[in-house]
């Protein structure tokens, strides 16, 4: 990539960047890899619990 290419602005990327919360990215990058995995596992456990609760609330067919 030449130096000239480094300053090219991609309008698609710019359009998406406005919707990205960079504070969350910075917060996660401050965590260790182990802490990030633990956070991911807690999120997966929460998602599993939500699915279970939703299935219990489903009316019988």
C-alpha atoms as a PDB file:
ATOM      1  CA  UNK A   1       0.000   0.000   0.000  1.00  0.00           C
ATOM      2  CA  UNK A   2       1.402   3.393  -0.934  1.00  0.00           C
ATOM      3  CA  UNK A   3       1.320   6.444   1.323  1.00  0.00           C
ATOM      4  CA  UNK A   4      -1.358   7.918  -0.910  1.00  0.00           C
ATOM      5  CA  UNK A   5      -3.653   4.919  -0.270  1.00  0.00           C
ATOM      6  CA  UNK A   6      -3.401   5.396   3.515  1.00  0.00           C
ATOM      7  CA  UNK A   7      -5.458   8.601   3.361  1.00  0.00           C
ATOM      8  CA  UNK A   8      -8.284   7.315   1.176  1.00  0.00           C
ATOM      9  CA  UNK A   9     -11.595   7.552   3.016  1.00  0.00           C
ATOM     10  CA  UNK A  10     -14.019   4.710   2.383  1.00  0.00           C
ATOM     11  CA  UNK A  11     -17.560   6.099   2.616  1.00  0.00           C
ATOM     12  CA  UNK A  12     -18.990   2.710   3.588  1.00  0.00           C
ATOM     13  CA  UNK A  13     -16.609   2.384   6.534  1.00  0.00           C
ATOM     14  CA  UNK A  14     -17.289   5.977   7.568  1.00  0.00           C
ATOM     15  CA  UNK A  15     -21.039   5.316   7.504  1.00  0.00           C
ATOM     16  CA  UNK A  16     -20.671   2.333   9.841  1.00  0.00           C
ATOM     17  CA  UNK A  17     -18.219   4.055  12.198  1.00  0.00           C
ATOM     18  CA  UNK A  18     -20.863   6.512  13.388  1.00  0.00           C
ATOM     19  CA  UNK A  19     -22.799   3.593  14.920  1.00  0.00           C
ATOM     20  CA  UNK A  20     -19.842   2.003  16.724  1.00  0.00           C
ATOM     21  CA  UNK A  21     -19.471   2.698  20.445  1.00  0.00           C
ATOM     22  CA  UNK A  22     -15.707   2.962  20.731  1.00  0.00           C
ATOM     23  CA  UNK A  23     -15.858   3.245  24.517  1.00  0.00           C
ATOM     24  CA  UNK A  24     -16.968  -0.408  24.673  1.00  0.00           C
ATOM     25  CA  UNK A  25     -14.054  -1.429  22.458  1.00  0.00           C
ATOM     26  CA  UNK A  26     -11.588   0.472  24.647  1.00  0.00           C
ATOM     27  CA  UNK A  27     -13.124  -1.011  27.795  1.00  0.00           C
ATOM     28  CA  UNK A  28     -12.736  -4.551  26.470  1.00  0.00           C
ATOM     29  CA  UNK A  29      -9.176  -3.947  25.285  1.00  0.00           C
ATOM     30  CA  UNK A  30      -8.239  -2.958  28.846  1.00  0.00           C
ATOM     31  CA  UNK A  31      -9.221  -6.454  30.001  1.00  0.00           C
ATOM     32  CA  UNK A  32      -6.865  -9.395  29.899  1.00  0.00           C
ATOM     33  CA  UNK A  33      -7.609 -12.225  27.500  1.00  0.00           C
ATOM     34  CA  UNK A  34      -8.760 -14.346  30.435  1.00  0.00           C
ATOM     35  CA  UNK A  35     -11.116 -11.590  31.632  1.00  0.00           C
ATOM     36  CA  UNK A  36     -12.570 -11.277  28.128  1.00  0.00           C
ATOM     37  CA  UNK A  37     -13.226 -15.031  27.988  1.00  0.00           C
ATOM     38  CA  UNK A  38     -14.881 -14.931  31.415  1.00  0.00           C
ATOM     39  CA  UNK A  39     -17.088 -12.058  30.266  1.00  0.00           C
ATOM     40  CA  UNK A  40     -17.994 -14.003  27.122  1.00  0.00           C
ATOM     41  CA  UNK A  41     -18.848 -17.119  29.142  1.00  0.00           C
ATOM     42  CA  UNK A  42     -21.135 -15.088  31.434  1.00  0.00           C
ATOM     43  CA  UNK A  43     -22.858 -13.622  28.387  1.00  0.00           C
ATOM     44  CA  UNK A  44     -23.336 -17.101  26.906  1.00  0.00           C
ATOM     45  CA  UNK A  45     -24.781 -18.373  30.191  1.00  0.00           C
ATOM     46  CA  UNK A  46     -27.186 -15.419  30.235  1.00  0.00           C
ATOM     47  CA  UNK A  47     -28.257 -16.119  26.627  1.00  0.00           C
ATOM     48  CA  UNK A  48     -28.849 -19.781  27.497  1.00  0.00           C
ATOM     49  CA  UNK A  49     -30.994 -18.778  30.473  1.00  0.00           C
ATOM     50  CA  UNK A  50     -33.024 -16.384  28.296  1.00  0.00           C
ATOM     51  CA  UNK A  51     -33.656 -19.139  25.746  1.00  0.00           C
ATOM     52  CA  UNK A  52     -34.718 -21.558  28.485  1.00  0.00           C
ATOM     53  CA  UNK A  53     -37.096 -19.003  29.990  1.00  0.00           C
ATOM     54  CA  UNK A  54     -38.588 -18.215  26.579  1.00  0.00           C
ATOM     55  CA  UNK A  55     -39.196 -21.904  25.883  1.00  0.00           C
ATOM     56  CA  UNK A  56     -40.930 -22.320  29.260  1.00  0.00           C
ATOM     57  CA  UNK A  57     -43.276 -19.426  28.463  1.00  0.00           C
ATOM     58  CA  UNK A  58     -44.224 -20.769  25.023  1.00  0.00           C
ATOM     59  CA  UNK A  59     -47.818 -21.975  24.949  1.00  0.00           C
ATOM     60  CA  UNK A  60     -48.339 -25.673  24.276  1.00  0.00           C
ATOM     61  CA  UNK A  61     -49.003 -26.525  20.659  1.00  0.00           C
END
